[in-house]
Structures are given as structure tokens and as C-alpha cells.
Amino acid sequence: MLAEAVADAERDGRRARIWCAGCSTGQEPLSLAMQFAERRETSGALMPEIVATDVSDAAVARARSGRFSQFEIQRGLPVRRMIRWFDTTGSDWVAKPDLLGMVAFRRMNLVSDPAPPGQFDVVLCRNVLLYLSTDTKAEVFPKIAKAMKPGGVLVMGGG
């Protein structure tokens, strides 16, 4: 569904917009950036705008740094992508600047802060839902819905 939403935006002649809400230390948005950058190289497709937010200043700072331990980076990331998109620094792996430049990381509280400006084709709200009460989810979902383009895709988990 994510790929279809991005393709729909491209058919309309525009870059898709993706919002990773609750991005933690950045694995999800960086993984998306890698996939779409590789797709762009082979097909000439437009690179989506990827906005990644989290309530934690520390998590956003870490996401912006793109620094991951060996354990963190090898969980689901093929060696080919590790070598292409990351450099080693001691025992850590650090995302290359061109990869980090594909994602706009911002601090945001889903409950009290406004959504990022504009409307999104895709909103990923997967792991953050685990931490929200039912009442809080009832506050957050209308904000997310307002931030989505009509017919946009919402990806949830831990609901």
C-alpha cells in the first residue's frame, strides 16, 4: 500500500510525502530513504519527502546522528545496504550524509504539538501507539487524519 500511495503521487506529477510519527532513533525513516533512493536510481522515480518525528529530544538527536551499534544495524538490514549507506566508526555504523539528508527529523509531541505542515500521502504510526492510552489515541487520530491527503495511507501497529 505504501508503494501504491507513492506511485499515485508520482502519477499526479508530484513528490509523495511520508510522515514517520514516533520515529524513535530513525531506523524506519532511514530504511525508507534507502529503498526509495535505490528505486530512484533504477527507475528515475521521484524521491519522496520523508518527515520523521518523535517526542524524545534524545531520540531525535540520535536519529539525526545516524549512529547505530552493530546489533542495531544488522537487524533486518542486508550487508550490501550496510556497506553502501553507512561507514564504520569504531564499533558503530554511521549513516552517510547523503542518506541523512533524505530525512527531515523533528521533535514533536503527537498529543500537544501541531502536525508537521502540509498533507501526507503516507503516515507511519506503528510503534508509538503502544505507549498511548485509548483516550490519548482518540485525541491523536483526528490530528493524523487532518494531516493526511484524501485517500492517503495510514500504517499502524501495536494498536
C-alpha atoms as a PDB file:
ATOM      1  CA  MET A   1       0.000   0.000   0.000  1.00  0.00           C
ATOM      2  CA  LEU A   2       2.869   2.373   0.753  1.00  0.00           C
ATOM      3  CA  ALA A   3       4.327   1.890  -2.726  1.00  0.00           C
ATOM      4  CA  GLU A   4       0.886   2.444  -4.276  1.00  0.00           C
ATOM      5  CA  ALA A   5       0.414   5.726  -2.409  1.00  0.00           C
ATOM      6  CA  VAL A   6       3.832   6.915  -3.587  1.00  0.00           C
ATOM      7  CA  ALA A   7       3.066   5.834  -7.159  1.00  0.00           C
ATOM      8  CA  ASP A   8      -0.268   7.702  -7.043  1.00  0.00           C
ATOM      9  CA  ALA A   9       1.548  10.913  -6.074  1.00  0.00           C
ATOM     10  CA  GLU A  10       4.029  10.423  -8.902  1.00  0.00           C
ATOM     11  CA  ARG A  11       1.201   9.896 -11.404  1.00  0.00           C
ATOM     12  CA  ASP A  12      -0.090  13.285 -10.245  1.00  0.00           C
ATOM     13  CA  GLY A  13       3.374  14.698 -11.069  1.00  0.00           C
ATOM     14  CA  ARG A  14       4.424  15.400  -7.501  1.00  0.00           C
ATOM     15  CA  ARG A  15       6.714  14.033  -4.820  1.00  0.00           C
ATOM     16  CA  ALA A  16       4.969  11.869  -2.276  1.00  0.00           C
ATOM     17  CA  ARG A  17       5.114  12.956   1.358  1.00  0.00           C
ATOM     18  CA  ILE A  18       5.703  10.387   4.101  1.00  0.00           C
ATOM     19  CA  TRP A  19       5.466  11.075   7.842  1.00  0.00           C
ATOM     20  CA  CYS A  20       7.050   8.616  10.277  1.00  0.00           C
ATOM     21  CA  ALA A  21       5.361   9.533  13.565  1.00  0.00           C
ATOM     22  CA  GLY A  22       7.186   8.193  16.602  1.00  0.00           C
ATOM     23  CA  CYS A  23      10.373   7.505  14.638  1.00  0.00           C
ATOM     24  CA  SER A  24      12.485   6.766  17.730  1.00  0.00           C
ATOM     25  CA  THR A  25      16.155   6.611  16.717  1.00  0.00           C
ATOM     26  CA  GLY A  26      15.451   6.658  12.993  1.00  0.00           C
ATOM     27  CA  GLN A  27      15.663   3.116  11.664  1.00  0.00           C
ATOM     28  CA  GLU A  28      12.287   3.230   9.916  1.00  0.00           C
ATOM     29  CA  PRO A  29      12.685   6.539   8.037  1.00  0.00           C
ATOM     30  CA  LEU A  30      16.285   5.750   7.079  1.00  0.00           C
ATOM     31  CA  SER A  31      15.209   2.341   5.761  1.00  0.00           C
ATOM     32  CA  LEU A  32      12.540   4.033   3.657  1.00  0.00           C
ATOM     33  CA  ALA A  33      15.066   6.566   2.376  1.00  0.00           C
ATOM     34  CA  MET A  34      17.415   3.762   1.298  1.00  0.00           C
ATOM     35  CA  GLN A  35      14.664   1.898  -0.519  1.00  0.00           C
ATOM     36  CA  PHE A  36      13.329   4.946  -2.335  1.00  0.00           C
ATOM     37  CA  ALA A  37      16.821   6.206  -3.247  1.00  0.00           C
ATOM     38  CA  GLU A  38      17.658   2.811  -4.758  1.00  0.00           C
ATOM     39  CA  ARG A  39      14.344   2.822  -6.611  1.00  0.00           C
ATOM     40  CA  ARG A  40      15.090   6.292  -7.958  1.00  0.00           C
ATOM     41  CA  GLU A  41      18.436   5.078  -9.318  1.00  0.00           C
ATOM     42  CA  THR A  42      16.883   2.231 -11.279  1.00  0.00           C
ATOM     43  CA  SER A  43      13.626   3.843 -12.409  1.00  0.00           C
ATOM     44  CA  GLY A  44      14.191   7.588 -12.234  1.00  0.00           C
ATOM     45  CA  ALA A  45      11.232   7.877  -9.852  1.00  0.00           C
ATOM     46  CA  LEU A  46      10.861  10.932  -7.657  1.00  0.00           C
ATOM     47  CA  MET A  47      12.295  10.773  -4.153  1.00  0.00           C
ATOM     48  CA  PRO A  48       9.522  11.202  -1.576  1.00  0.00           C
ATOM     49  CA  GLU A  49       9.799  13.806   1.138  1.00  0.00           C
ATOM     50  CA  ILE A  50      10.273  11.928   4.420  1.00  0.00           C
ATOM     51  CA  VAL A  51       9.489  13.677   7.709  1.00  0.00           C
ATOM     52  CA  ALA A  52      10.296  11.790  10.913  1.00  0.00           C
ATOM     53  CA  THR A  53       9.121  12.951  14.336  1.00  0.00           C
ATOM     54  CA  ASP A  54       9.466  11.780  17.913  1.00  0.00           C
ATOM     55  CA  VAL A  55       8.600  13.205  21.317  1.00  0.00           C
ATOM     56  CA  SER A  56      12.068  12.478  22.715  1.00  0.00           C
ATOM     57  CA  ASP A  57      14.799  15.067  22.148  1.00  0.00           C
ATOM     58  CA  ALA A  58      17.386  12.350  22.766  1.00  0.00           C
ATOM     59  CA  ALA A  59      15.829  10.001  20.207  1.00  0.00           C
ATOM     60  CA  VAL A  60      15.650  12.733  17.564  1.00  0.00           C
ATOM     61  CA  ALA A  61      19.271  13.740  18.237  1.00  0.00           C
ATOM     62  CA  ARG A  62      20.339  10.132  17.877  1.00  0.00           C
ATOM     63  CA  ALA A  63      18.298   9.718  14.698  1.00  0.00           C
ATOM     64  CA  ARG A  64      19.924  12.837  13.223  1.00  0.00           C
ATOM     65  CA  SER A  65      23.346  11.400  14.063  1.00  0.00           C
ATOM     66  CA  GLY A  66      22.560   8.183  12.178  1.00  0.00           C
ATOM     67  CA  ARG A  67      24.765   6.210  14.577  1.00  0.00           C
ATOM     68  CA  PHE A  68      23.900   2.582  15.286  1.00  0.00           C
ATOM     69  CA  SER A  69      25.589  -0.319  17.034  1.00  0.00           C
ATOM     70  CA  GLN A  70      26.465  -3.491  15.146  1.00  0.00           C
ATOM     71  CA  PHE A  71      23.492  -5.232  16.796  1.00  0.00           C
ATOM     72  CA  GLU A  72      21.046  -2.474  15.817  1.00  0.00           C
ATOM     73  CA  ILE A  73      22.141  -2.192  12.208  1.00  0.00           C
ATOM     74  CA  GLN A  74      22.200  -5.871  11.339  1.00  0.00           C
ATOM     75  CA  ARG A  75      18.615  -6.431  12.474  1.00  0.00           C
ATOM     76  CA  GLY A  76      16.995  -6.770   9.058  1.00  0.00           C
ATOM     77  CA  LEU A  77      19.474  -4.695   7.047  1.00  0.00           C
ATOM     78  CA  PRO A  78      21.316  -6.639   4.344  1.00  0.00           C
ATOM     79  CA  VAL A  79      25.112  -6.338   4.344  1.00  0.00           C
ATOM     80  CA  ARG A  80      25.017  -4.743   0.899  1.00  0.00           C
ATOM     81  CA  ARG A  81      22.947  -1.845   2.248  1.00  0.00           C
ATOM     82  CA  MET A  82      25.071  -1.549   5.389  1.00  0.00           C
ATOM     83  CA  ILE A  83      28.204  -1.083   3.313  1.00  0.00           C
ATOM     84  CA  ARG A  84      26.594   1.226   0.774  1.00  0.00           C
ATOM     85  CA  TRP A  85      24.789   3.601   3.131  1.00  0.00           C
ATOM     86  CA  PHE A  86      26.906   3.505   6.312  1.00  0.00           C
ATOM     87  CA  ASP A  87      30.521   3.982   7.364  1.00  0.00           C
ATOM     88  CA  THR A  88      32.115   2.312  10.370  1.00  0.00           C
ATOM     89  CA  THR A  89      33.390   4.393  13.244  1.00  0.00           C
ATOM     90  CA  GLY A  90      34.913   2.150  15.878  1.00  0.00           C
ATOM     91  CA  SER A  91      32.302  -0.488  16.564  1.00  0.00           C
ATOM     92  CA  ASP A  92      29.420   1.735  15.373  1.00  0.00           C
ATOM     93  CA  TRP A  93      27.915   2.267  11.960  1.00  0.00           C
ATOM     94  CA  VAL A  94      27.159   5.855  10.944  1.00  0.00           C
ATOM     95  CA  ALA A  95      24.797   6.819   8.144  1.00  0.00           C
ATOM     96  CA  LYS A  96      26.421   8.678   5.286  1.00  0.00           C
ATOM     97  CA  PRO A  97      25.440  12.348   4.978  1.00  0.00           C
ATOM     98  CA  ASP A  98      23.542  11.811   1.714  1.00  0.00           C
ATOM     99  CA  LEU A  99      21.282   9.267   3.451  1.00  0.00           C
ATOM    100  CA  LEU A 100      20.688  11.511   6.469  1.00  0.00           C
ATOM    101  CA  GLY A 101      19.878  14.375   4.108  1.00  0.00           C
ATOM    102  CA  MET A 102      16.912  12.441   2.732  1.00  0.00           C
ATOM    103  CA  VAL A 103      15.023  12.624   6.037  1.00  0.00           C
ATOM    104  CA  ALA A 104      13.858  15.678   7.990  1.00  0.00           C
ATOM    105  CA  PHE A 105      13.990  14.740  11.687  1.00  0.00           C
ATOM    106  CA  ARG A 106      11.925  16.874  14.090  1.00  0.00           C
ATOM    107  CA  ARG A 107      10.915  16.748  17.717  1.00  0.00           C
ATOM    108  CA  MET A 108       7.145  16.573  18.082  1.00  0.00           C
ATOM    109  CA  ASN A 109       4.646  15.517  20.710  1.00  0.00           C
ATOM    110  CA  LEU A 110       1.731  13.823  18.922  1.00  0.00           C
ATOM    111  CA  VAL A 111      -0.665  14.952  21.644  1.00  0.00           C
ATOM    112  CA  SER A 112       0.237  18.597  22.234  1.00  0.00           C
ATOM    113  CA  ASP A 113       2.102  19.797  19.121  1.00  0.00           C
ATOM    114  CA  PRO A 114       0.612  20.520  15.707  1.00  0.00           C
ATOM    115  CA  ALA A 115       1.293  18.010  12.965  1.00  0.00           C
ATOM    116  CA  PRO A 116       4.061  18.839  10.502  1.00  0.00           C
ATOM    117  CA  PRO A 117       2.799  21.326   7.905  1.00  0.00           C
ATOM    118  CA  GLY A 118       1.192  20.129   4.706  1.00  0.00           C
ATOM    119  CA  GLN A 119      -0.586  16.896   3.951  1.00  0.00           C
ATOM    120  CA  PHE A 120       0.920  13.450   3.697  1.00  0.00           C
ATOM    121  CA  ASP A 121       0.313  10.587   1.308  1.00  0.00           C
ATOM    122  CA  VAL A 122       1.521   8.077   3.897  1.00  0.00           C
ATOM    123  CA  VAL A 123       1.657   8.246   7.695  1.00  0.00           C
ATOM    124  CA  LEU A 124       3.505   5.511   9.551  1.00  0.00           C
ATOM    125  CA  CYS A 125       2.350   5.377  13.147  1.00  0.00           C
ATOM    126  CA  ARG A 126       3.479   1.935  14.129  1.00  0.00           C
ATOM    127  CA  ASN A 127       5.361   1.585  17.379  1.00  0.00           C
ATOM    128  CA  VAL A 128       4.208   4.792  19.056  1.00  0.00           C
ATOM    129  CA  LEU A 129       0.673   3.502  19.551  1.00  0.00           C
ATOM    130  CA  LEU A 130       1.922   1.008  22.131  1.00  0.00           C
ATOM    131  CA  TYR A 131       2.565   3.893  24.505  1.00  0.00           C
ATOM    132  CA  LEU A 132      -0.764   5.708  24.152  1.00  0.00           C
ATOM    133  CA  SER A 133      -3.903   5.132  26.168  1.00  0.00           C
ATOM    134  CA  THR A 134      -7.233   4.704  24.407  1.00  0.00           C
ATOM    135  CA  ASP A 135      -8.220   8.270  25.366  1.00  0.00           C
ATOM    136  CA  THR A 136      -4.936   9.661  24.047  1.00  0.00           C
ATOM    137  CA  LYS A 137      -5.330   7.752  20.793  1.00  0.00           C
ATOM    138  CA  ALA A 138      -8.769   9.379  20.431  1.00  0.00           C
ATOM    139  CA  GLU A 139      -7.009  12.776  20.613  1.00  0.00           C
ATOM    140  CA  VAL A 140      -4.185  11.852  18.244  1.00  0.00           C
ATOM    141  CA  PHE A 141      -6.069  10.144  15.410  1.00  0.00           C
ATOM    142  CA  PRO A 142      -8.034  13.243  14.306  1.00  0.00           C
ATOM    143  CA  LYS A 143      -4.756  15.195  14.128  1.00  0.00           C
ATOM    144  CA  ILE A 144      -3.202  12.469  11.996  1.00  0.00           C
ATOM    145  CA  ALA A 145      -6.302  12.264   9.786  1.00  0.00           C
ATOM    146  CA  LYS A 146      -6.186  16.027   9.203  1.00  0.00           C
ATOM    147  CA  ALA A 147      -2.510  15.749   8.176  1.00  0.00           C
ATOM    148  CA  MET A 148      -3.294  13.131   5.520  1.00  0.00           C
ATOM    149  CA  LYS A 149      -4.248  13.699   1.912  1.00  0.00           C
ATOM    150  CA  PRO A 150      -7.644  12.303   0.980  1.00  0.00           C
ATOM    151  CA  GLY A 151      -7.098   8.642   0.141  1.00  0.00           C
ATOM    152  CA  GLY A 152      -3.763   8.603   1.984  1.00  0.00           C
ATOM    153  CA  VAL A 153      -2.427   5.503   3.689  1.00  0.00           C
ATOM    154  CA  LEU A 154      -2.144   5.127   7.466  1.00  0.00           C
ATOM    155  CA  VAL A 155       0.117   2.312   8.667  1.00  0.00           C
ATOM    156  CA  MET A 156      -0.481   1.387  12.304  1.00  0.00           C
ATOM    157  CA  GLY A 157       0.788  -1.195  14.738  1.00  0.00           C
ATOM    158  CA  GLY A 158       0.596  -2.028  18.397  1.00  0.00           C
ATOM    159  CA  GLY A 159      -2.857  -0.502  18.424  1.00  0.00           C
END
